[in-house]
């Protein structure tokens, strides 16, 4: 009888010890259901390529509102279906490849230098760091939403 209680106690302790990481995982901020405060918060963190330059990019955008280049003007915004296809670390789909515009030099001065084989381009109100060899979107900065 004593050994059955002892074995039950050890098993219960083992189950509690191994289930703790699973319980703690649900307490992380911003990674569960209902923790998102905005539609594109995941693209607006300091770990993104453009995060440290966000303020300067907005200053440039506001200074050029009356004469925005193709790719950033209001008429160039993406429809919702194409917007969903533009994702960080994803391949640039053919429908969006047709909308790629070069980044103006005046804006490039506010951006960090691109890594090898990459360049800054404009796609439907977004500044995109695009790897031209693999056609992969390295990072996205949504200019139209502040």
C-alpha atoms as a PDB file:
ATOM      1  CA  UNK A   1       0.000   0.000   0.000  1.00  0.00           C
ATOM      2  CA  UNK A   2       2.825   2.409   0.895  1.00  0.00           C
ATOM      3  CA  UNK A   3       4.644   1.675  -2.373  1.00  0.00           C
ATOM      4  CA  UNK A   4       1.463   2.357  -4.403  1.00  0.00           C
ATOM      5  CA  UNK A   5       1.125   5.801  -2.748  1.00  0.00           C
ATOM      6  CA  UNK A   6       4.813   6.477  -3.289  1.00  0.00           C
ATOM      7  CA  UNK A   7       4.614   5.536  -6.992  1.00  0.00           C
ATOM      8  CA  UNK A   8       1.456   7.634  -7.411  1.00  0.00           C
ATOM      9  CA  UNK A   9       3.206  10.599  -5.797  1.00  0.00           C
ATOM     10  CA  UNK A  10       6.256  10.270  -8.039  1.00  0.00           C
ATOM     11  CA  UNK A  11       4.064   9.980 -11.154  1.00  0.00           C
ATOM     12  CA  UNK A  12       2.034  13.048 -10.142  1.00  0.00           C
ATOM     13  CA  UNK A  13       5.239  15.021  -9.534  1.00  0.00           C
ATOM     14  CA  UNK A  14       6.624  13.935 -12.896  1.00  0.00           C
ATOM     15  CA  UNK A  15       3.427  14.974 -14.701  1.00  0.00           C
ATOM     16  CA  UNK A  16       3.425  18.383 -13.027  1.00  0.00           C
ATOM     17  CA  UNK A  17       7.103  18.964 -13.764  1.00  0.00           C
ATOM     18  CA  UNK A  18       6.795  18.095 -17.455  1.00  0.00           C
ATOM     19  CA  UNK A  19       3.612  20.081 -18.024  1.00  0.00           C
ATOM     20  CA  UNK A  20       4.991  23.373 -16.617  1.00  0.00           C
ATOM     21  CA  UNK A  21       6.683  24.515 -19.877  1.00  0.00           C
ATOM     22  CA  UNK A  22       3.420  24.004 -21.753  1.00  0.00           C
ATOM     23  CA  UNK A  23       1.570  26.133 -19.205  1.00  0.00           C
ATOM     24  CA  UNK A  24       4.220  28.870 -19.226  1.00  0.00           C
ATOM     25  CA  UNK A  25       4.135  29.021 -23.015  1.00  0.00           C
ATOM     26  CA  UNK A  26       0.585  30.380 -22.998  1.00  0.00           C
ATOM     27  CA  UNK A  27       1.632  33.399 -20.898  1.00  0.00           C
ATOM     28  CA  UNK A  28       3.891  35.033 -23.493  1.00  0.00           C
ATOM     29  CA  UNK A  29       2.666  38.426 -24.655  1.00  0.00           C
ATOM     30  CA  UNK A  30       1.687  38.921 -28.263  1.00  0.00           C
ATOM     31  CA  UNK A  31       1.826  35.307 -29.402  1.00  0.00           C
ATOM     32  CA  UNK A  32      -1.595  34.012 -28.481  1.00  0.00           C
ATOM     33  CA  UNK A  33      -5.141  34.651 -29.524  1.00  0.00           C
ATOM     34  CA  UNK A  34      -6.470  38.073 -28.609  1.00  0.00           C
ATOM     35  CA  UNK A  35      -3.079  39.619 -27.777  1.00  0.00           C
ATOM     36  CA  UNK A  36      -2.602  41.500 -31.028  1.00  0.00           C
ATOM     37  CA  UNK A  37      -3.278  45.197 -30.752  1.00  0.00           C
ATOM     38  CA  UNK A  38      -3.014  46.009 -34.438  1.00  0.00           C
ATOM     39  CA  UNK A  39      -3.288  44.403 -37.828  1.00  0.00           C
ATOM     40  CA  UNK A  40       0.431  44.573 -38.618  1.00  0.00           C
ATOM     41  CA  UNK A  41       2.115  44.721 -35.196  1.00  0.00           C
ATOM     42  CA  UNK A  42       4.364  41.803 -36.067  1.00  0.00           C
ATOM     43  CA  UNK A  43       6.024  43.945 -38.760  1.00  0.00           C
ATOM     44  CA  UNK A  44       6.536  46.903 -36.490  1.00  0.00           C
ATOM     45  CA  UNK A  45       9.135  45.749 -33.997  1.00  0.00           C
ATOM     46  CA  UNK A  46      12.709  46.819 -33.398  1.00  0.00           C
ATOM     47  CA  UNK A  47      13.994  43.452 -34.623  1.00  0.00           C
ATOM     48  CA  UNK A  48      12.830  44.295 -38.141  1.00  0.00           C
ATOM     49  CA  UNK A  49      15.335  45.667 -40.634  1.00  0.00           C
ATOM     50  CA  UNK A  50      13.569  49.044 -40.768  1.00  0.00           C
ATOM     51  CA  UNK A  51      12.622  49.295 -37.058  1.00  0.00           C
ATOM     52  CA  UNK A  52      15.436  51.659 -36.027  1.00  0.00           C
ATOM     53  CA  UNK A  53      14.692  54.015 -38.949  1.00  0.00           C
ATOM     54  CA  UNK A  54      10.906  54.147 -38.572  1.00  0.00           C
ATOM     55  CA  UNK A  55      10.827  57.759 -37.362  1.00  0.00           C
ATOM     56  CA  UNK A  56      13.038  59.042 -40.207  1.00  0.00           C
ATOM     57  CA  UNK A  57      10.985  57.149 -42.797  1.00  0.00           C
ATOM     58  CA  UNK A  58       7.781  58.758 -41.516  1.00  0.00           C
ATOM     59  CA  UNK A  59       9.427  62.193 -41.608  1.00  0.00           C
ATOM     60  CA  UNK A  60      10.426  61.650 -45.242  1.00  0.00           C
ATOM     61  CA  UNK A  61       6.928  60.398 -46.091  1.00  0.00           C
ATOM     62  CA  UNK A  62       5.213  63.422 -44.504  1.00  0.00           C
ATOM     63  CA  UNK A  63       7.599  65.833 -46.251  1.00  0.00           C
ATOM     64  CA  UNK A  64       6.780  64.260 -49.638  1.00  0.00           C
ATOM     65  CA  UNK A  65       3.010  63.713 -49.239  1.00  0.00           C
ATOM     66  CA  UNK A  66       2.198  66.146 -52.041  1.00  0.00           C
ATOM     67  CA  UNK A  67       4.534  64.435 -54.512  1.00  0.00           C
ATOM     68  CA  UNK A  68       4.878  60.750 -53.624  1.00  0.00           C
ATOM     69  CA  UNK A  69       6.675  58.443 -56.079  1.00  0.00           C
ATOM     70  CA  UNK A  70       4.912  55.519 -57.800  1.00  0.00           C
ATOM     71  CA  UNK A  71       4.536  52.704 -55.321  1.00  0.00           C
ATOM     72  CA  UNK A  72       3.782  54.976 -52.370  1.00  0.00           C
ATOM     73  CA  UNK A  73       0.955  57.133 -53.736  1.00  0.00           C
ATOM     74  CA  UNK A  74      -2.565  56.421 -52.483  1.00  0.00           C
ATOM     75  CA  UNK A  75      -3.618  55.115 -55.913  1.00  0.00           C
ATOM     76  CA  UNK A  76      -0.864  52.462 -55.663  1.00  0.00           C
ATOM     77  CA  UNK A  77      -2.287  50.729 -52.570  1.00  0.00           C
ATOM     78  CA  UNK A  78      -2.680  46.960 -52.790  1.00  0.00           C
ATOM     79  CA  UNK A  79      -6.057  45.247 -52.838  1.00  0.00           C
ATOM     80  CA  UNK A  80      -6.616  42.992 -49.788  1.00  0.00           C
ATOM     81  CA  UNK A  81      -5.913  39.783 -51.734  1.00  0.00           C
ATOM     82  CA  UNK A  82      -2.468  40.973 -52.854  1.00  0.00           C
ATOM     83  CA  UNK A  83      -1.777  42.557 -49.453  1.00  0.00           C
ATOM     84  CA  UNK A  84      -2.051  39.118 -47.830  1.00  0.00           C
ATOM     85  CA  UNK A  85       0.527  37.712 -50.252  1.00  0.00           C
ATOM     86  CA  UNK A  86       3.189  40.248 -49.262  1.00  0.00           C
ATOM     87  CA  UNK A  87       4.812  38.585 -46.246  1.00  0.00           C
ATOM     88  CA  UNK A  88       8.232  38.734 -44.597  1.00  0.00           C
ATOM     89  CA  UNK A  89      10.465  35.795 -45.599  1.00  0.00           C
ATOM     90  CA  UNK A  90       8.001  34.811 -48.314  1.00  0.00           C
ATOM     91  CA  UNK A  91       8.499  34.608 -52.046  1.00  0.00           C
ATOM     92  CA  UNK A  92       7.263  37.570 -54.072  1.00  0.00           C
ATOM     93  CA  UNK A  93       4.285  36.298 -56.120  1.00  0.00           C
ATOM     94  CA  UNK A  94       3.999  37.152 -59.832  1.00  0.00           C
ATOM     95  CA  UNK A  95       1.054  39.512 -59.209  1.00  0.00           C
ATOM     96  CA  UNK A  96       3.251  41.658 -56.976  1.00  0.00           C
ATOM     97  CA  UNK A  97       6.351  41.420 -59.170  1.00  0.00           C
ATOM     98  CA  UNK A  98       4.552  43.617 -61.697  1.00  0.00           C
ATOM     99  CA  UNK A  99       4.044  46.325 -59.048  1.00  0.00           C
ATOM    100  CA  UNK A 100       7.684  46.706 -57.986  1.00  0.00           C
ATOM    101  CA  UNK A 101       8.914  50.306 -58.237  1.00  0.00           C
ATOM    102  CA  UNK A 102      12.443  51.561 -57.527  1.00  0.00           C
ATOM    103  CA  UNK A 103      13.015  53.320 -54.227  1.00  0.00           C
ATOM    104  CA  UNK A 104      13.773  57.050 -54.628  1.00  0.00           C
ATOM    105  CA  UNK A 105      17.342  58.083 -53.749  1.00  0.00           C
ATOM    106  CA  UNK A 106      16.053  60.710 -51.331  1.00  0.00           C
ATOM    107  CA  UNK A 107      14.322  57.953 -49.337  1.00  0.00           C
ATOM    108  CA  UNK A 108      17.269  55.542 -49.568  1.00  0.00           C
ATOM    109  CA  UNK A 109      19.324  57.998 -47.478  1.00  0.00           C
ATOM    110  CA  UNK A 110      16.993  57.298 -44.535  1.00  0.00           C
ATOM    111  CA  UNK A 111      17.224  53.512 -44.886  1.00  0.00           C
ATOM    112  CA  UNK A 112      19.953  51.176 -43.675  1.00  0.00           C
ATOM    113  CA  UNK A 113      22.192  49.852 -46.462  1.00  0.00           C
ATOM    114  CA  UNK A 114      20.779  46.681 -48.006  1.00  0.00           C
ATOM    115  CA  UNK A 115      22.593  43.356 -47.605  1.00  0.00           C
ATOM    116  CA  UNK A 116      24.254  41.741 -50.648  1.00  0.00           C
ATOM    117  CA  UNK A 117      21.868  40.795 -53.485  1.00  0.00           C
ATOM    118  CA  UNK A 118      19.103  42.929 -51.908  1.00  0.00           C
ATOM    119  CA  UNK A 119      17.620  46.324 -52.632  1.00  0.00           C
ATOM    120  CA  UNK A 120      14.895  48.586 -51.319  1.00  0.00           C
ATOM    121  CA  UNK A 121      11.834  48.681 -53.580  1.00  0.00           C
ATOM    122  CA  UNK A 122       8.324  50.102 -53.301  1.00  0.00           C
ATOM    123  CA  UNK A 123       5.248  47.916 -53.627  1.00  0.00           C
ATOM    124  CA  UNK A 124       1.769  49.314 -52.993  1.00  0.00           C
ATOM    125  CA  UNK A 125       2.521  51.624 -50.061  1.00  0.00           C
ATOM    126  CA  UNK A 126       5.270  49.414 -48.647  1.00  0.00           C
ATOM    127  CA  UNK A 127       9.026  49.700 -48.561  1.00  0.00           C
ATOM    128  CA  UNK A 128      10.291  46.190 -49.227  1.00  0.00           C
ATOM    129  CA  UNK A 129      13.775  44.792 -48.783  1.00  0.00           C
ATOM    130  CA  UNK A 130      13.867  42.330 -51.659  1.00  0.00           C
ATOM    131  CA  UNK A 131      16.512  39.723 -52.436  1.00  0.00           C
ATOM    132  CA  UNK A 132      16.731  39.837 -56.241  1.00  0.00           C
ATOM    133  CA  UNK A 133      18.541  36.507 -56.579  1.00  0.00           C
ATOM    134  CA  UNK A 134      15.906  34.473 -54.716  1.00  0.00           C
ATOM    135  CA  UNK A 135      12.929  36.856 -55.078  1.00  0.00           C
ATOM    136  CA  UNK A 136      12.348  36.586 -51.315  1.00  0.00           C
ATOM    137  CA  UNK A 137      10.923  39.449 -49.253  1.00  0.00           C
ATOM    138  CA  UNK A 138      13.508  39.968 -46.498  1.00  0.00           C
ATOM    139  CA  UNK A 139      11.513  42.671 -44.685  1.00  0.00           C
ATOM    140  CA  UNK A 140       8.508  44.962 -45.154  1.00  0.00           C
ATOM    141  CA  UNK A 141       7.740  48.427 -43.846  1.00  0.00           C
ATOM    142  CA  UNK A 142       4.125  49.538 -44.282  1.00  0.00           C
ATOM    143  CA  UNK A 143       4.411  53.283 -44.825  1.00  0.00           C
ATOM    144  CA  UNK A 144       0.701  54.041 -45.136  1.00  0.00           C
ATOM    145  CA  UNK A 145      -0.141  52.952 -41.591  1.00  0.00           C
ATOM    146  CA  UNK A 146       1.156  55.038 -38.726  1.00  0.00           C
END
